[in-house]
Amino acid sequence: MKTVKKILIPVLVLGVIAVGIYLFATRSKAPQKMSYKTTEVRRGSIVNTVTATGTIEPIIQVEVGTQVSGIIENIYVDYNSIVKEGQIIAELDRTTLEAELESSTATLEANKTEYEYQEKNFNRIKGLHEKNMVSDTDYETAEYQYKTAKSNYEKSQSEMTRVRQNLAYATITSPIDGVVIDREVEEGQTVASSFNTPTLFTIANDLRQMRVIADVDEADIGVVKEGQKAMFTVDAFPEDQFSGTVTQVRLQPTTESNVVTYEVVVDAPNPDLKLKPGLTANLTIYTMQKDSVLVVPLRALRFTPEGVDTPTTDSVDAKVKTLWVPTASGPQPKQVTVGSNDGIFAEVSGPIAEGDQIITAVDLGIPSVSDSQTESNPFMPGPPGRDKDKKK
């Protein structure tokens, strides 16, 4: 019996080892099923934007000056004063101008008297000359004196018009309805208009209607068009977002430090008068926005499973791409047409529906949150109204 036991124990051990080796070899040869990360096809927005920095300005801003030199005698408005068109806002000292007017009036009267006398004398000499009762020399002299007197009289009339106009310029009025945003003179100050018109006041037409003058880089200007929606913020009210519309894309380029930019004008309604001239605006222009379209992550369009042949297509359209959907028998392809994208998501159409699962990558066992919940472009601001929708 002891001999039989000695023989059976090694045989049993060898059998167990053989079975283990067989099972290990069989399992190692069995194909392992590949695991994939998936996400849902969903409806969302595709938004492309251009960002720029600009300055808040009134739409109409007039610099009021004076065309005559003199001393500021009276100022009737100050900063932030509301003015009407034609309202007197300042006056210059009239002493010198009134003296010029009196002198010009006297000169005009004298020249008028001389002209009337020479006209009568010329007509008398002309009649006598026609009867050959005076010489040609006397006639020519009378004609010369008449024309000279007429020229001096007309010159005096022009000078009188100029002096009267200068006297009128001593009264400075507002050219538009608006508000005074700058005053550069004080009473008693002397202004000289010898070479240029000095600016006395700056008047803005209506601060409830403002605009943003933004500098857009040459790389982005090609997609900026009139009528596009824009949003902007200012440092004075960091929690507020202001909206506007692109009203003009100016053709004149500006080059600074080898950087070419173009001015874009965005209207900025300001009913609450929060926006003030000169504020810096951080502007976002929405060059493309599509809402409620089927979207998928771009990386799903770039994914191709290993060991699976990608189907060929007869289409030469570069917008036709392949999405892979998980099935019980493995990944299956679906060809879709790709539209616009925002760098993270792309618009798709074709044999795909909202809620369908699509493969985005091979699952390596690293935990992650669903793509549809977390994936978004960190550099792309949300479209207007998106935050409000979330709050609801």
Protein backbone atom coordinates (compact mmCIF):
# COMPACT_ATOMS: atom_id res chain seq x y z
CA MET A 1 0.00 0.00 0.00
CA LYS A 2 2.77 2.39 0.85
CA THR A 3 4.33 1.69 -2.54
CA VAL A 4 1.05 2.41 -4.34
CA LYS A 5 0.63 5.74 -2.46
CA LYS A 6 4.18 6.76 -3.35
CA ILE A 7 3.38 6.19 -7.00
CA LEU A 8 -0.12 7.89 -7.02
CA ILE A 9 0.87 11.16 -5.32
CA PRO A 10 3.47 12.19 -7.93
CA VAL A 11 1.08 11.16 -10.70
CA LEU A 12 -1.72 13.34 -9.25
CA VAL A 13 0.61 16.31 -8.81
CA LEU A 14 1.79 15.99 -12.39
CA GLY A 15 -1.82 15.80 -13.58
CA VAL A 16 -2.83 18.95 -11.72
CA ILE A 17 0.17 20.80 -13.15
CA ALA A 18 -0.67 19.60 -16.65
CA VAL A 19 -4.30 20.74 -16.33
CA GLY A 20 -3.18 24.16 -15.03
CA ILE A 21 -0.75 24.58 -17.90
CA TYR A 22 -3.44 23.61 -20.38
CA LEU A 23 -6.01 26.03 -18.93
CA PHE A 24 -3.49 28.91 -18.82
CA ALA A 25 -2.44 28.29 -22.41
CA THR A 26 -6.06 28.07 -23.55
CA ARG A 27 -7.02 31.34 -21.81
CA SER A 28 -3.98 33.21 -23.12
CA LYS A 29 -4.89 32.21 -26.66
CA ALA A 30 -8.55 33.35 -26.29
CA PRO A 31 -9.23 36.71 -27.98
CA GLN A 32 -9.76 39.62 -25.59
CA LYS A 33 -12.71 41.89 -26.31
CA MET A 34 -11.67 45.56 -26.95
CA SER A 35 -13.36 48.24 -24.83
CA TYR A 36 -14.18 51.71 -26.17
CA LYS A 37 -15.11 55.14 -24.84
CA THR A 38 -18.37 56.42 -26.25
CA THR A 39 -20.47 59.54 -26.19
CA GLU A 40 -23.93 60.52 -27.36
CA VAL A 41 -24.79 62.46 -30.49
CA ARG A 42 -26.58 65.53 -29.17
CA ARG A 43 -28.05 68.82 -30.28
CA GLY A 44 -26.09 71.93 -29.51
CA SER A 45 -24.66 75.18 -30.86
CA ILE A 46 -21.68 75.72 -33.12
CA VAL A 47 -20.18 79.16 -32.56
CA ASN A 48 -17.15 80.85 -34.11
CA THR A 49 -15.99 84.21 -32.79
CA VAL A 50 -13.38 86.91 -33.29
CA THR A 51 -12.08 88.84 -30.29
CA ALA A 52 -10.72 92.37 -30.30
CA THR A 53 -10.20 95.39 -28.07
CA GLY A 54 -11.84 98.73 -28.77
CA THR A 55 -12.85 102.08 -27.35
CA ILE A 56 -16.32 103.39 -26.50
CA GLU A 57 -17.17 106.56 -28.43
CA PRO A 58 -20.27 108.68 -29.04
CA ILE A 59 -21.70 108.20 -32.52
CA ILE A 60 -21.70 111.98 -33.17
CA GLN A 61 -19.08 114.07 -31.42
CA VAL A 62 -18.48 117.71 -32.40
CA GLU A 63 -15.55 119.90 -31.39
CA VAL A 64 -16.78 123.48 -31.02
CA GLY A 65 -14.21 126.20 -31.70
CA THR A 66 -14.01 129.87 -32.64
CA GLN A 67 -13.04 131.48 -35.92
CA VAL A 68 -12.01 134.78 -34.35
CA SER A 69 -9.41 135.66 -31.77
CA GLY A 70 -10.28 137.31 -28.50
CA ILE A 71 -10.83 136.97 -24.77
CA ILE A 72 -13.45 134.58 -23.41
CA GLU A 73 -15.84 136.92 -21.65
CA ASN A 74 -18.63 134.54 -20.59
CA ILE A 75 -19.06 130.76 -20.38
CA TYR A 76 -22.58 129.48 -19.88
CA VAL A 77 -22.06 125.69 -19.77
CA ASP A 78 -19.83 123.24 -17.93
CA TYR A 79 -18.96 119.55 -18.08
CA ASN A 80 -22.04 117.32 -18.49
CA SER A 81 -24.29 120.27 -19.35
CA ILE A 82 -27.25 119.39 -21.57
CA VAL A 83 -27.41 121.76 -24.54
CA LYS A 84 -29.76 122.39 -27.46
CA GLU A 85 -28.88 123.29 -31.02
CA GLY A 86 -28.39 127.07 -31.30
CA GLN A 87 -28.04 127.58 -27.53
CA ILE A 88 -25.42 130.17 -26.55
CA ILE A 89 -22.63 128.43 -24.68
CA ALA A 90 -19.93 131.15 -24.59
CA GLU A 91 -19.18 134.71 -25.68
CA LEU A 92 -15.98 136.52 -26.66
CA ASP A 93 -15.19 140.13 -25.77
CA ARG A 94 -16.82 142.27 -28.52
CA THR A 95 -14.92 145.54 -27.97
CA THR A 96 -12.40 145.11 -30.78
CA LEU A 97 -14.91 143.55 -33.14
CA GLU A 98 -17.44 146.32 -32.60
CA ALA A 99 -14.72 148.91 -33.26
CA GLU A 100 -13.90 147.16 -36.53
CA LEU A 101 -17.57 147.23 -37.41
CA GLU A 102 -17.81 150.98 -36.81
CA SER A 103 -14.68 151.59 -38.89
CA SER A 104 -15.96 149.44 -41.71
CA THR A 105 -19.33 151.18 -41.60
CA ALA A 106 -17.67 154.60 -41.96
CA THR A 107 -15.50 153.38 -44.82
CA LEU A 108 -18.50 151.89 -46.55
CA GLU A 109 -20.46 155.15 -46.30
CA ALA A 110 -17.52 157.14 -47.68
CA ASN A 111 -16.98 154.76 -50.55
CA LYS A 112 -20.68 154.71 -51.28
CA THR A 113 -20.77 158.53 -51.50
CA GLU A 114 -17.70 158.55 -53.73
CA TYR A 115 -19.19 155.86 -55.96
CA GLU A 116 -22.50 157.72 -56.37
CA TYR A 117 -20.66 160.96 -57.22
CA GLN A 118 -18.34 159.31 -59.74
CA GLU A 119 -21.28 157.48 -61.31
CA LYS A 120 -23.16 160.76 -61.89
CA ASN A 121 -20.01 162.48 -63.14
CA PHE A 122 -19.25 159.66 -65.54
CA ASN A 123 -22.77 159.68 -66.93
CA ARG A 124 -22.53 163.47 -67.50
CA ILE A 125 -19.11 163.23 -69.21
CA LYS A 126 -20.31 160.29 -71.27
CA GLY A 127 -23.25 162.35 -72.61
CA LEU A 128 -20.97 165.26 -73.47
CA HIS A 129 -18.45 162.93 -75.08
CA GLU A 130 -21.15 161.49 -77.31
CA LYS A 131 -21.80 165.08 -78.51
CA ASN A 132 -18.05 165.63 -78.97
CA MET A 133 -18.09 168.34 -76.34
CA VAL A 134 -15.30 166.83 -74.19
CA SER A 135 -12.06 165.19 -75.16
CA ASP A 136 -11.38 161.48 -75.09
CA THR A 137 -8.93 162.05 -72.27
CA ASP A 138 -11.59 163.62 -70.05
CA TYR A 139 -13.96 160.78 -70.86
CA GLU A 140 -11.38 158.09 -70.06
CA THR A 141 -10.46 159.84 -66.81
CA ALA A 142 -14.09 160.00 -65.72
CA GLU A 143 -14.58 156.34 -66.63
CA TYR A 144 -11.48 155.32 -64.66
CA GLN A 145 -12.58 157.25 -61.58
CA TYR A 146 -16.05 155.74 -61.79
CA LYS A 147 -14.79 152.16 -62.02
CA THR A 148 -12.32 152.72 -59.19
CA ALA A 149 -15.03 154.14 -56.95
CA LYS A 150 -17.31 151.22 -57.80
CA SER A 151 -14.58 148.70 -56.98
CA ASN A 152 -13.85 150.38 -53.64
CA TYR A 153 -17.55 150.44 -52.78
CA GLU A 154 -17.96 146.74 -53.54
CA LYS A 155 -14.83 145.94 -51.54
CA SER A 156 -16.25 147.86 -48.59
CA GLN A 157 -19.47 145.89 -48.83
CA SER A 158 -17.51 142.61 -48.67
CA GLU A 159 -15.45 143.89 -45.76
CA MET A 160 -18.64 144.87 -43.94
CA THR A 161 -20.00 141.33 -44.43
CA ARG A 162 -16.79 139.87 -43.02
CA VAL A 163 -16.75 142.15 -39.98
CA ARG A 164 -20.41 141.49 -39.21
CA GLN A 165 -19.80 137.75 -39.49
CA ASN A 166 -16.81 137.97 -37.14
CA LEU A 167 -18.96 139.85 -34.67
CA ALA A 168 -21.51 137.07 -34.91
CA TYR A 169 -18.73 134.52 -34.31
CA ALA A 170 -18.11 136.20 -30.94
CA THR A 171 -21.29 134.48 -29.79
CA ILE A 172 -20.55 130.75 -29.67
CA THR A 173 -23.56 128.44 -29.97
CA SER A 174 -24.04 124.69 -29.84
CA PRO A 175 -24.24 123.14 -33.32
CA ILE A 176 -26.21 120.08 -32.11
CA ASP A 177 -28.42 118.81 -29.32
CA GLY A 178 -26.27 116.91 -26.84
CA VAL A 179 -24.14 116.99 -23.73
CA VAL A 180 -20.84 118.76 -23.06
CA ILE A 181 -18.18 116.12 -22.42
CA ASP A 182 -15.15 118.42 -22.49
CA ARG A 183 -14.44 122.10 -21.81
CA GLU A 184 -10.98 123.44 -22.55
CA VAL A 185 -11.29 127.16 -21.75
CA GLU A 186 -11.97 129.42 -18.79
CA GLU A 187 -13.43 132.91 -18.59
CA GLY A 188 -10.73 135.51 -19.21
CA GLN A 189 -8.63 133.16 -21.33
CA THR A 190 -7.37 134.47 -24.68
CA VAL A 191 -7.91 132.30 -27.74
CA ALA A 192 -6.10 132.84 -31.04
CA SER A 193 -7.33 131.51 -34.36
CA SER A 194 -4.42 132.66 -36.50
CA PHE A 195 -3.42 129.26 -37.92
CA ASN A 196 -6.07 126.83 -36.70
CA THR A 197 -9.40 126.82 -34.96
CA PRO A 198 -8.92 126.34 -31.21
CA THR A 199 -11.27 123.79 -29.60
CA LEU A 200 -13.35 125.24 -26.79
CA PHE A 201 -15.90 122.48 -26.12
CA THR A 202 -16.57 118.92 -27.17
CA ILE A 203 -20.24 118.01 -27.45
CA ALA A 204 -21.61 114.48 -27.89
CA ASN A 205 -24.96 114.13 -29.61
CA ASP A 206 -26.65 111.37 -27.57
CA LEU A 207 -24.87 109.21 -24.99
CA ARG A 208 -27.71 106.70 -25.11
CA GLN A 209 -26.42 105.66 -28.52
CA MET A 210 -22.72 104.80 -28.41
CA ARG A 211 -20.37 102.76 -30.57
CA VAL A 212 -17.23 100.67 -30.21
CA ILE A 213 -14.28 101.32 -32.50
CA ALA A 214 -12.34 98.04 -32.40
CA ASP A 215 -9.05 97.03 -34.02
CA VAL A 216 -9.41 93.59 -35.64
CA ASP A 217 -6.33 91.66 -36.72
CA GLU A 218 -5.81 91.11 -40.44
CA ALA A 219 -5.98 87.33 -39.89
CA ASP A 220 -9.58 87.66 -38.63
CA ILE A 221 -10.96 90.54 -40.69
CA GLY A 222 -11.96 88.26 -43.58
CA VAL A 223 -14.83 86.69 -41.60
CA VAL A 224 -16.16 89.91 -40.05
CA LYS A 225 -19.22 91.25 -41.86
CA GLU A 226 -21.77 93.99 -41.29
CA GLY A 227 -24.83 92.83 -39.37
CA GLN A 228 -23.02 90.26 -37.21
CA LYS A 229 -23.88 90.09 -33.52
CA ALA A 230 -21.31 91.27 -30.99
CA MET A 231 -20.95 91.19 -27.22
CA PHE A 232 -18.53 93.19 -25.11
CA THR A 233 -17.58 93.96 -21.53
CA VAL A 234 -15.92 96.94 -19.87
CA ASP A 235 -13.76 96.97 -16.76
CA ALA A 236 -16.07 99.49 -15.11
CA PHE A 237 -18.89 96.90 -15.04
CA PRO A 238 -17.19 93.48 -15.14
CA GLU A 239 -20.41 91.59 -14.37
CA ASP A 240 -22.39 93.17 -17.21
CA GLN A 241 -22.44 92.09 -20.84
CA PHE A 242 -23.38 94.63 -23.49
CA SER A 243 -24.63 93.71 -26.94
CA GLY A 244 -24.36 95.37 -30.31
CA THR A 245 -24.17 94.83 -34.06
CA VAL A 246 -21.34 95.34 -36.53
CA THR A 247 -22.31 98.41 -38.57
CA GLN A 248 -19.12 99.06 -40.54
CA VAL A 249 -15.87 97.37 -41.53
CA ARG A 250 -13.47 100.14 -42.51
CA LEU A 251 -11.08 99.50 -45.40
CA GLN A 252 -8.25 101.71 -44.19
CA PRO A 253 -5.54 99.54 -42.58
CA THR A 254 -3.47 100.58 -39.57
CA THR A 255 0.07 99.25 -39.17
CA GLU A 256 1.80 99.35 -35.81
CA SER A 257 4.92 97.32 -34.96
CA ASN A 258 4.40 95.36 -38.21
CA VAL A 259 0.90 94.34 -37.06
CA VAL A 260 -1.89 95.22 -39.49
CA THR A 261 -5.36 95.85 -38.10
CA TYR A 262 -8.65 97.19 -39.46
CA GLU A 263 -11.20 99.29 -37.63
CA VAL A 264 -14.60 97.69 -37.06
CA VAL A 265 -17.51 99.78 -35.81
CA VAL A 266 -20.06 98.16 -33.49
CA ASP A 267 -23.14 100.03 -32.33
CA ALA A 268 -23.63 100.00 -28.56
CA PRO A 269 -27.07 100.99 -27.24
CA ASN A 270 -26.66 102.66 -23.85
CA PRO A 271 -30.14 103.24 -22.39
CA ASP A 272 -28.86 103.12 -18.79
CA LEU A 273 -25.98 105.53 -19.55
CA LYS A 274 -23.50 103.07 -18.03
CA LEU A 275 -21.11 103.30 -20.97
CA LYS A 276 -18.91 106.38 -20.93
CA PRO A 277 -16.74 107.78 -23.71
CA GLY A 278 -13.20 106.41 -23.63
CA LEU A 279 -13.92 103.12 -21.83
CA THR A 280 -12.01 100.10 -23.13
CA ALA A 281 -14.27 97.39 -24.53
CA ASN A 282 -13.32 93.70 -24.71
CA LEU A 283 -15.25 92.71 -27.82
CA THR A 284 -16.42 89.34 -29.12
CA ILE A 285 -17.89 89.22 -32.62
CA TYR A 286 -19.97 86.17 -33.51
CA THR A 287 -18.94 85.41 -37.08
CA MET A 288 -20.92 82.16 -37.21
CA GLN A 289 -23.58 80.66 -34.98
CA LYS A 290 -25.75 77.61 -35.60
CA ASP A 291 -28.18 76.55 -32.89
CA SER A 292 -29.93 73.20 -32.32
CA VAL A 293 -27.82 71.19 -34.75
CA LEU A 294 -26.50 67.63 -34.33
CA VAL A 295 -22.95 67.84 -32.99
CA VAL A 296 -20.22 65.31 -32.27
CA PRO A 297 -16.69 65.76 -30.86
CA LEU A 298 -14.08 66.24 -33.57
CA ARG A 299 -12.02 63.42 -32.09
CA ALA A 300 -14.86 61.01 -32.88
CA LEU A 301 -14.39 61.88 -36.56
CA ARG A 302 -10.66 61.19 -36.29
CA PHE A 303 -11.07 57.83 -34.55
CA THR A 304 -10.45 54.56 -36.43
CA PRO A 305 -10.55 51.20 -34.56
CA GLU A 306 -7.50 48.97 -34.85
CA GLY A 307 -7.84 45.90 -36.98
CA VAL A 308 -11.03 47.14 -38.65
CA ASP A 309 -11.06 48.08 -42.30
CA THR A 310 -12.38 51.57 -42.98
CA PRO A 311 -15.07 51.43 -45.65
CA THR A 312 -14.33 53.08 -48.97
CA THR A 313 -16.73 55.63 -50.44
CA ASP A 314 -17.49 56.78 -53.94
CA SER A 315 -17.89 60.37 -52.73
CA VAL A 316 -15.03 62.80 -53.39
CA ASP A 317 -16.50 65.31 -50.98
CA ALA A 318 -13.93 66.05 -48.27
CA LYS A 319 -16.79 66.76 -45.87
CA VAL A 320 -17.86 63.10 -45.86
CA LYS A 321 -16.34 61.43 -42.77
CA THR A 322 -16.82 58.16 -40.89
CA LEU A 323 -18.21 57.75 -37.40
CA TRP A 324 -18.01 54.42 -35.56
CA VAL A 325 -20.90 53.12 -33.48
CA PRO A 326 -20.62 50.29 -30.93
CA THR A 327 -22.56 47.09 -31.64
CA ALA A 328 -22.59 43.55 -30.23
CA SER A 329 -20.40 42.41 -33.13
CA GLY A 330 -17.94 45.30 -32.80
CA PRO A 331 -17.57 48.85 -34.15
CA GLN A 332 -19.68 49.58 -37.22
CA PRO A 333 -19.07 52.59 -39.54
CA LYS A 334 -21.55 55.30 -40.46
CA GLN A 335 -20.70 57.89 -43.05
CA VAL A 336 -21.85 61.44 -42.26
CA THR A 337 -21.49 64.87 -43.80
CA VAL A 338 -19.54 67.31 -41.63
CA GLY A 339 -20.51 70.98 -41.53
CA SER A 340 -19.14 73.83 -39.44
CA ASN A 341 -17.00 73.30 -36.36
CA ASP A 342 -15.77 75.38 -33.44
CA GLY A 343 -12.51 73.53 -32.84
CA ILE A 344 -14.06 71.05 -30.39
CA PHE A 345 -17.41 70.00 -31.85
CA ALA A 346 -18.57 69.62 -35.45
CA GLU A 347 -21.99 69.74 -37.04
CA VAL A 348 -22.96 66.46 -38.74
CA SER A 349 -25.84 65.18 -40.84
CA GLY A 350 -26.67 61.81 -42.31
CA PRO A 351 -27.69 58.38 -40.97
CA ILE A 352 -27.22 59.45 -37.37
CA ALA A 353 -29.73 60.61 -34.79
CA GLU A 354 -29.75 62.44 -31.49
CA GLY A 355 -28.94 60.05 -28.65
CA ASP A 356 -26.98 57.57 -30.80
CA GLN A 357 -23.77 56.29 -29.20
CA ILE A 358 -20.53 56.87 -31.10
CA ILE A 359 -16.97 55.80 -30.30
CA THR A 360 -14.42 58.48 -29.47
CA ALA A 361 -11.40 56.43 -28.32
CA VAL A 362 -10.14 53.11 -26.98
CA ASP A 363 -10.90 52.68 -23.29
CA LEU A 364 -7.56 52.19 -21.51
CA GLY A 365 -9.20 51.95 -18.11
CA ILE A 366 -8.58 55.58 -17.17
CA PRO A 367 -11.76 56.98 -15.57
CA SER A 368 -13.24 60.06 -17.27
CA VAL A 369 -16.47 62.01 -17.30
CA SER A 370 -18.84 61.85 -20.26
CA ASP A 371 -17.68 63.91 -23.24
CA SER A 372 -21.11 65.41 -23.75
CA GLN A 373 -21.05 66.89 -20.26
CA THR A 374 -17.56 68.29 -19.98
CA GLU A 375 -16.03 68.81 -23.39
CA SER A 376 -16.12 72.40 -24.55
CA ASN A 377 -13.80 74.93 -26.13
CA PRO A 378 -12.09 76.80 -23.25
CA PHE A 379 -11.24 79.72 -25.56
CA MET A 380 -14.72 80.06 -27.06
CA PRO A 381 -17.29 82.23 -25.23
CA GLY A 382 -20.79 80.86 -25.12
CA PRO A 383 -23.42 82.30 -27.45
CA PRO A 384 -25.78 84.97 -26.13
CA GLY A 385 -28.52 83.49 -24.00
CA ARG A 386 -26.77 80.21 -23.20
CA ASP A 387 -26.06 81.18 -19.57
CA LYS A 388 -29.65 82.28 -19.10
CA ASP A 389 -30.89 78.97 -20.43
CA LYS A 390 -28.72 77.10 -17.94
CA LYS A 391 -30.12 79.14 -15.06
CA LYS A 392 -33.62 78.27 -16.08
